[in-house]
């Protein structure tokens, strides 16, 4: 995906996803498919955590020494500590929306000459340009949104 396509896709998701999630009953959002698996609401919370970490990475790569090295984060721990399962669904969705709106703002402000800056994952050594990192995040986001939205809960 190109940088403008990434921004357009994030904006499209911000327009289309929240109205669909708002139609789901809270019990359906909180239902766990298996014991050890996240509920739809916890997946949405994970996506808020993921947006926060990627927003920070996409901002920091622009001013950090090159290549910018970033760490993984403890996804399961954050979902548990943030107690997404116990929060009202509207609050988790509002957090998801706010973080993604800010992520769009950060991406819209990236100067053309910074799109090829490099970020390296500390654990794997995988290298990404800023554009590739943003595109990878959008793919991750869409994967998890599909888990939330399909199939439609009772």
Protein backbone atom coordinates (compact mmCIF):
# COMPACT_ATOMS: atom_id res chain seq x y z
CA UNK A 1 0.00 0.00 0.00
CA UNK A 2 1.13 3.53 -0.63
CA UNK A 3 1.15 6.12 2.12
CA UNK A 4 -2.02 7.87 0.80
CA UNK A 5 -3.78 4.48 0.48
CA UNK A 6 -2.92 3.64 4.09
CA UNK A 7 -4.41 6.92 5.31
CA UNK A 8 -7.52 6.46 3.15
CA UNK A 9 -8.03 2.92 4.44
CA UNK A 10 -7.72 4.01 8.07
CA UNK A 11 -10.27 6.78 7.45
CA UNK A 12 -12.61 4.30 5.76
CA UNK A 13 -12.35 1.94 8.72
CA UNK A 14 -13.01 4.80 11.14
CA UNK A 15 -16.21 5.59 9.22
CA UNK A 16 -17.52 2.05 8.75
CA UNK A 17 -16.45 -0.03 11.76
CA UNK A 18 -17.84 1.88 14.77
CA UNK A 19 -21.46 1.98 13.49
CA UNK A 20 -21.36 -1.79 12.94
CA UNK A 21 -19.90 -2.51 16.37
CA UNK A 22 -22.52 -0.29 18.01
CA UNK A 23 -25.24 -2.63 16.68
CA UNK A 24 -23.85 -5.60 18.61
CA UNK A 25 -25.28 -6.41 22.05
CA UNK A 26 -22.70 -6.05 24.84
CA UNK A 27 -23.13 -9.72 25.78
CA UNK A 28 -22.16 -10.71 22.23
CA UNK A 29 -19.09 -8.47 22.35
CA UNK A 30 -18.03 -9.98 25.69
CA UNK A 31 -18.66 -13.62 24.74
CA UNK A 32 -15.42 -15.61 24.59
CA UNK A 33 -15.19 -18.22 21.81
CA UNK A 34 -13.01 -20.41 24.06
CA UNK A 35 -11.45 -20.13 27.49
CA UNK A 36 -8.00 -18.70 26.64
CA UNK A 37 -9.25 -16.70 23.65
CA UNK A 38 -10.15 -13.03 23.60
CA UNK A 39 -13.73 -11.84 23.27
CA UNK A 40 -14.62 -9.39 20.50
CA UNK A 41 -14.41 -6.60 23.07
CA UNK A 42 -10.94 -7.71 24.19
CA UNK A 43 -9.81 -7.83 20.55
CA UNK A 44 -11.04 -4.25 20.17
CA UNK A 45 -9.07 -3.31 23.30
CA UNK A 46 -6.00 -5.06 21.87
CA UNK A 47 -6.43 -2.95 18.73
CA UNK A 48 -6.45 0.18 20.90
CA UNK A 49 -3.19 -0.97 22.53
CA UNK A 50 -1.75 -1.78 19.12
CA UNK A 51 -2.76 1.62 17.75
CA UNK A 52 -1.06 3.31 20.69
CA UNK A 53 2.19 1.41 20.18
CA UNK A 54 2.20 1.90 16.42
CA UNK A 55 1.29 5.59 16.73
CA UNK A 56 4.33 6.00 18.97
CA UNK A 57 6.58 4.04 16.58
CA UNK A 58 5.39 5.98 13.54
CA UNK A 59 6.00 9.26 15.31
CA UNK A 60 9.36 8.33 16.86
CA UNK A 61 10.89 6.89 13.69
CA UNK A 62 10.72 10.44 12.29
CA UNK A 63 13.12 11.94 14.85
CA UNK A 64 15.00 9.00 16.41
CA UNK A 65 18.51 8.00 15.33
CA UNK A 66 18.42 5.75 12.27
CA UNK A 67 17.63 2.97 12.16
CA UNK A 68 14.94 3.35 14.83
CA UNK A 69 14.82 0.20 16.98
CA UNK A 70 11.53 -0.73 18.64
CA UNK A 71 10.46 -3.46 21.04
CA UNK A 72 7.47 -5.76 21.06
CA UNK A 73 4.82 -5.23 23.70
CA UNK A 74 3.07 -7.74 25.95
CA UNK A 75 -0.31 -8.01 24.25
CA UNK A 76 -1.99 -10.50 26.60
CA UNK A 77 -0.80 -8.67 29.70
CA UNK A 78 -2.09 -5.33 28.41
CA UNK A 79 -5.52 -6.73 27.54
CA UNK A 80 -5.77 -8.18 31.05
CA UNK A 81 -4.36 -5.15 32.92
CA UNK A 82 -6.54 -2.69 30.97
CA UNK A 83 -9.59 -4.82 31.88
CA UNK A 84 -11.23 -4.40 28.49
CA UNK A 85 -13.62 -7.28 29.20
CA UNK A 86 -15.07 -5.44 32.20
CA UNK A 87 -15.37 -1.97 30.65
CA UNK A 88 -18.52 -0.70 28.95
CA UNK A 89 -18.27 -1.53 25.25
CA UNK A 90 -18.87 2.13 24.35
CA UNK A 91 -15.73 3.16 26.27
CA UNK A 92 -13.53 0.58 24.54
CA UNK A 93 -14.89 1.65 21.14
CA UNK A 94 -14.38 5.35 21.97
CA UNK A 95 -10.75 4.62 22.92
CA UNK A 96 -10.24 2.68 19.66
CA UNK A 97 -11.70 5.55 17.65
CA UNK A 98 -9.68 8.28 19.39
CA UNK A 99 -6.37 6.45 19.02
CA UNK A 100 -6.99 5.71 15.35
CA UNK A 101 -7.99 9.30 14.62
CA UNK A 102 -4.68 10.41 16.13
CA UNK A 103 -2.79 7.76 14.17
CA UNK A 104 -4.34 9.20 10.98
CA UNK A 105 -3.24 12.71 12.02
CA UNK A 106 0.33 11.54 12.59
CA UNK A 107 0.42 9.77 9.22
CA UNK A 108 -1.06 12.79 7.41
CA UNK A 109 1.73 14.97 8.83
CA UNK A 110 4.63 12.76 7.71
CA UNK A 111 6.79 14.68 5.24
CA UNK A 112 7.51 12.91 1.95
CA UNK A 113 11.24 12.74 2.74
CA UNK A 114 10.57 10.72 5.92
CA UNK A 115 8.52 7.90 4.34
CA UNK A 116 11.61 5.75 3.75
CA UNK A 117 13.05 6.06 7.27
CA UNK A 118 13.77 2.66 8.79
CA UNK A 119 12.37 0.96 11.88
CA UNK A 120 13.89 -2.32 13.10
CA UNK A 121 12.17 -4.79 15.41
CA UNK A 122 14.60 -5.45 18.27
CA UNK A 123 13.73 -9.15 18.62
CA UNK A 124 13.58 -10.33 15.02
CA UNK A 125 15.76 -7.73 13.30
CA UNK A 126 12.96 -7.27 10.73
CA UNK A 127 13.40 -3.92 8.95
CA UNK A 128 10.51 -1.74 7.78
CA UNK A 129 10.32 1.65 6.17
CA UNK A 130 7.87 4.01 7.83
CA UNK A 131 5.38 3.29 5.02
CA UNK A 132 5.85 -0.48 5.37
CA UNK A 133 5.39 -0.26 9.14
CA UNK A 134 2.13 1.66 8.67
CA UNK A 135 0.95 -0.77 5.99
CA UNK A 136 1.77 -3.75 8.21
CA UNK A 137 -0.26 -2.17 11.00
CA UNK A 138 -3.28 -1.70 8.70
CA UNK A 139 -3.08 -5.38 7.68
CA UNK A 140 -2.96 -6.36 11.38
CA UNK A 141 -5.90 -4.07 12.12
CA UNK A 142 -8.02 -5.50 9.29
CA UNK A 143 -7.23 -9.08 10.36
CA UNK A 144 -8.54 -8.43 13.87
CA UNK A 145 -11.51 -6.36 12.70
CA UNK A 146 -12.57 -9.33 10.61
CA UNK A 147 -12.54 -11.44 13.80
CA UNK A 148 -14.80 -8.90 15.49
CA UNK A 149 -17.20 -8.32 12.60
CA UNK A 150 -17.51 -11.80 11.06
CA UNK A 151 -19.68 -13.66 11.64
CA UNK A 152 -22.21 -11.26 13.06
CA UNK A 153 -22.91 -12.19 16.73
CA UNK A 154 -26.39 -13.10 17.91
